Amino acid sequence: MTFVHESAIIDEGVKIGQNVYIWHFSHVLSGSFIGNNCKLGQNVVVGPKVRLGDGCKIQNNVSIYEGVELGKNVFCGPSCVFTNVINPRAEINRKSEYKKTKIEDGVTIGANSTIVCGIKIGKYAFIGAGSVVTKDVDNYELVVGNPAKKIGWMSQSGARLGDSLVCPDTGDKYFIKDNKLDKVR
């Protein structure tokens, strides 16, 4: 079952998967794709030409602009911000300068964070609330601050990893190679 609140606007040319919920005052612009099992909170704007993977949860007051692509199971906290131009000016049209921003599977973006365009956030990375992300973030990294800096690692289940690199929630084991974290298979 897909639910679109009566106050939401869905433009022509939008593709919406199954079991999607789109709440009050949201707007999905043409050419956008919403995967299965996604939830868009109140006052969410998606598009135009944006792709949301399956299982994404977009909290209230988030705009996801052209050039941004979310993988599967991405969580966008309330009022987080995506940009699509590096140097905007009101009097200059820069639509030809949109930068691609890739958010990989399982990423969590905390409330009121800003994601500057043209970067990649690796799988299961965790962006702390209020952070300003100005450069790429590797898989499983925990970053906070302005500008965002790595302060540790997060597991796939969203638990902070200690020195043992064993997830306290699941027991999954991780390892570091070349200063990058990966999960033991």
Protein backbone atom coordinates (compact mmCIF):
# COMPACT_ATOMS: atom_id res chain seq x y z
CA MET A 1 0.00 0.00 0.00
CA THR A 2 1.25 3.47 -0.88
CA PHE A 3 -0.12 6.49 0.96
CA VAL A 4 0.08 10.08 -0.29
CA HIS A 5 -1.49 12.68 1.98
CA GLU A 6 -4.10 14.85 0.25
CA SER A 7 -1.99 17.98 0.82
CA ALA A 8 1.08 16.48 -0.89
CA ILE A 9 1.85 17.27 -4.53
CA ILE A 10 3.22 14.62 -6.88
CA ASP A 11 4.24 15.98 -10.29
CA GLU A 12 3.83 14.10 -13.57
CA GLY A 13 6.67 11.75 -14.45
CA VAL A 14 7.36 10.65 -10.85
CA LYS A 15 7.81 6.94 -10.13
CA ILE A 16 6.83 5.77 -6.65
CA GLY A 17 7.48 2.25 -5.34
CA GLN A 18 5.30 0.12 -3.10
CA ASN A 19 4.60 0.74 0.59
CA VAL A 20 5.61 4.41 0.41
CA TYR A 21 4.24 7.08 2.76
CA ILE A 22 4.33 10.75 1.73
CA TRP A 23 3.01 13.07 4.42
CA HIS A 24 1.55 16.60 4.72
CA PHE A 25 2.68 19.43 2.44
CA SER A 26 5.39 17.41 0.68
CA HIS A 27 6.23 17.86 -3.00
CA VAL A 28 7.88 15.34 -5.32
CA LEU A 29 9.00 17.00 -8.56
CA SER A 30 9.03 15.50 -12.05
CA GLY A 31 11.57 12.88 -13.03
CA SER A 32 12.10 11.71 -9.45
CA PHE A 33 12.10 8.09 -8.32
CA ILE A 34 11.03 6.98 -4.83
CA GLY A 35 11.97 3.36 -4.02
CA ASN A 36 9.91 0.83 -2.09
CA ASN A 37 9.26 1.23 1.65
CA CYS A 38 10.25 4.91 1.79
CA LYS A 39 8.78 7.40 4.24
CA LEU A 40 8.75 11.13 3.55
CA GLY A 41 7.77 13.30 6.52
CA GLN A 42 5.98 16.63 6.51
CA ASN A 43 7.16 19.45 4.26
CA VAL A 44 9.66 17.33 2.30
CA VAL A 45 10.70 18.38 -1.21
CA VAL A 46 12.28 15.83 -3.57
CA GLY A 47 13.57 16.70 -7.00
CA PRO A 48 13.41 17.25 -9.79
CA LYS A 49 15.25 14.17 -11.08
CA VAL A 50 16.23 12.78 -7.67
CA ARG A 51 16.56 9.08 -6.89
CA LEU A 52 15.76 7.64 -3.44
CA GLY A 53 16.66 3.98 -2.91
CA ASP A 54 14.43 1.51 -1.11
CA GLY A 55 13.81 2.01 2.60
CA CYS A 56 14.81 5.68 2.90
CA LYS A 57 13.36 7.71 5.77
CA ILE A 58 13.27 11.44 5.21
CA GLN A 59 12.22 13.40 8.29
CA ASN A 60 10.32 16.72 8.32
CA ASN A 61 11.54 19.86 6.53
CA VAL A 62 14.14 18.28 4.24
CA SER A 63 14.72 19.28 0.60
CA ILE A 64 16.61 16.87 -1.64
CA TYR A 65 17.65 18.72 -4.79
CA GLU A 66 18.63 17.65 -8.28
CA GLY A 67 22.07 16.08 -8.25
CA VAL A 68 21.54 14.21 -4.97
CA GLU A 69 21.17 10.43 -5.01
CA LEU A 70 20.33 8.39 -1.92
CA GLY A 71 21.13 4.68 -1.73
CA LYS A 72 19.02 2.16 0.18
CA ASN A 73 18.00 2.68 3.80
CA VAL A 74 19.32 6.23 4.15
CA PHE A 75 18.02 8.21 7.15
CA CYS A 76 17.81 12.00 6.77
CA GLY A 77 17.15 13.71 10.11
CA PRO A 78 14.81 16.68 10.48
CA SER A 79 15.85 19.86 8.67
CA CYS A 80 19.07 18.46 7.24
CA VAL A 81 20.21 20.36 4.16
CA PHE A 82 21.60 19.30 0.78
CA THR A 83 23.14 21.85 -1.57
CA ASN A 84 23.56 21.45 -5.32
CA VAL A 85 25.77 24.44 -6.26
CA ILE A 86 29.11 25.41 -4.70
CA ASN A 87 28.82 29.19 -5.10
CA PRO A 88 25.16 30.25 -5.38
CA ARG A 89 24.15 33.81 -6.17
CA ALA A 90 20.52 34.90 -6.43
CA GLU A 91 21.11 36.89 -9.62
CA ILE A 92 23.06 34.14 -11.46
CA ASN A 93 21.42 31.00 -12.85
CA ARG A 94 23.76 28.08 -12.06
CA LYS A 95 21.55 25.12 -13.01
CA SER A 96 24.26 23.96 -15.44
CA GLU A 97 26.72 23.78 -12.52
CA TYR A 98 24.85 21.32 -10.27
CA LYS A 99 27.25 18.92 -8.58
CA LYS A 100 26.47 15.24 -8.03
CA THR A 101 26.20 14.14 -4.40
CA LYS A 102 26.16 10.41 -3.70
CA ILE A 103 24.86 9.09 -0.39
CA GLU A 104 25.48 5.33 -0.20
CA ASP A 105 23.42 2.61 1.49
CA GLY A 106 22.65 2.78 5.19
CA VAL A 107 23.92 6.32 5.86
CA THR A 108 22.48 8.31 8.77
CA ILE A 109 22.43 12.11 8.45
CA GLY A 110 21.65 13.84 11.75
CA ALA A 111 19.19 16.68 12.28
CA ASN A 112 20.19 20.12 10.98
CA SER A 113 23.27 18.81 9.18
CA THR A 114 24.43 20.37 5.93
CA ILE A 115 25.81 18.24 3.10
CA VAL A 116 27.78 20.37 0.62
CA CYS A 117 27.33 19.22 -2.97
CA GLY A 118 29.83 17.22 -4.98
CA ILE A 119 30.80 14.74 -2.29
CA LYS A 120 30.30 11.06 -1.56
CA ILE A 121 29.23 9.66 1.80
CA GLY A 122 30.18 5.98 2.10
CA LYS A 123 27.96 3.15 3.26
CA TYR A 124 26.78 3.16 6.88
CA ALA A 125 28.56 6.43 7.65
CA PHE A 126 27.02 8.47 10.46
CA ILE A 127 26.81 12.27 10.25
CA GLY A 128 26.28 13.80 13.70
CA ALA A 129 23.50 16.35 14.21
CA GLY A 130 24.41 19.88 13.11
CA SER A 131 27.52 18.82 11.19
CA VAL A 132 28.66 20.56 8.01
CA VAL A 133 30.08 17.96 5.62
CA THR A 134 32.48 19.58 3.14
CA LYS A 135 34.44 16.53 1.91
CA ASP A 136 33.97 12.82 1.25
CA VAL A 137 33.17 10.55 4.19
CA ASP A 138 34.37 6.93 4.13
CA ASN A 139 32.31 3.84 4.93
CA TYR A 140 31.33 3.51 8.61
CA GLU A 141 32.92 6.84 9.62
CA LEU A 142 31.37 8.87 12.43
CA VAL A 143 31.83 12.57 11.68
CA VAL A 144 30.77 15.65 13.66
CA GLY A 145 31.34 19.40 13.72
CA ASN A 146 31.85 22.31 11.36
CA PRO A 147 33.59 21.32 9.22
CA ALA A 148 32.80 17.68 9.95
CA LYS A 149 35.73 15.60 11.15
CA LYS A 150 36.03 11.87 11.84
CA ILE A 151 35.83 11.03 15.55
CA GLY A 152 35.31 7.29 15.28
CA TRP A 153 33.52 4.43 13.60
CA MET A 154 29.92 3.20 13.56
CA SER A 155 28.69 -0.34 12.95
CA GLN A 156 26.16 -1.28 10.31
CA SER A 157 23.51 -1.41 13.04
CA GLY A 158 24.31 2.14 14.17
CA ALA A 159 26.34 1.44 17.31
CA ARG A 160 29.58 3.27 18.01
CA LEU A 161 32.57 0.94 17.78
CA GLY A 162 35.24 0.86 20.45
CA ASP A 163 38.87 -0.21 20.13
CA SER A 164 37.88 -3.88 19.74
CA LEU A 165 35.94 -3.02 16.55
CA VAL A 166 33.19 -5.41 17.66
CA CYS A 167 29.62 -4.13 17.46
CA PRO A 168 28.18 -4.05 21.00
CA ASP A 169 24.66 -4.67 19.60
CA THR A 170 25.23 -7.54 17.16
CA GLY A 171 28.73 -8.93 17.83
CA ASP A 172 29.69 -8.24 14.20
CA LYS A 173 33.44 -7.77 13.77
CA TYR A 174 35.16 -5.05 11.77
CA PHE A 175 38.77 -4.44 10.70
CA ILE A 176 40.85 -1.46 9.57
CA LYS A 177 42.98 -1.62 6.43
CA ASP A 178 44.63 1.46 4.93
CA ASN A 179 42.81 3.63 7.48
CA LYS A 180 39.41 2.41 6.21
CA LEU A 181 36.95 0.25 8.09
CA ASP A 182 35.23 -2.82 6.68
CA LYS A 183 33.08 -5.58 8.09
CA VAL A 184 34.40 -9.13 8.47
CA ARG A 185 32.38 -11.32 6.12
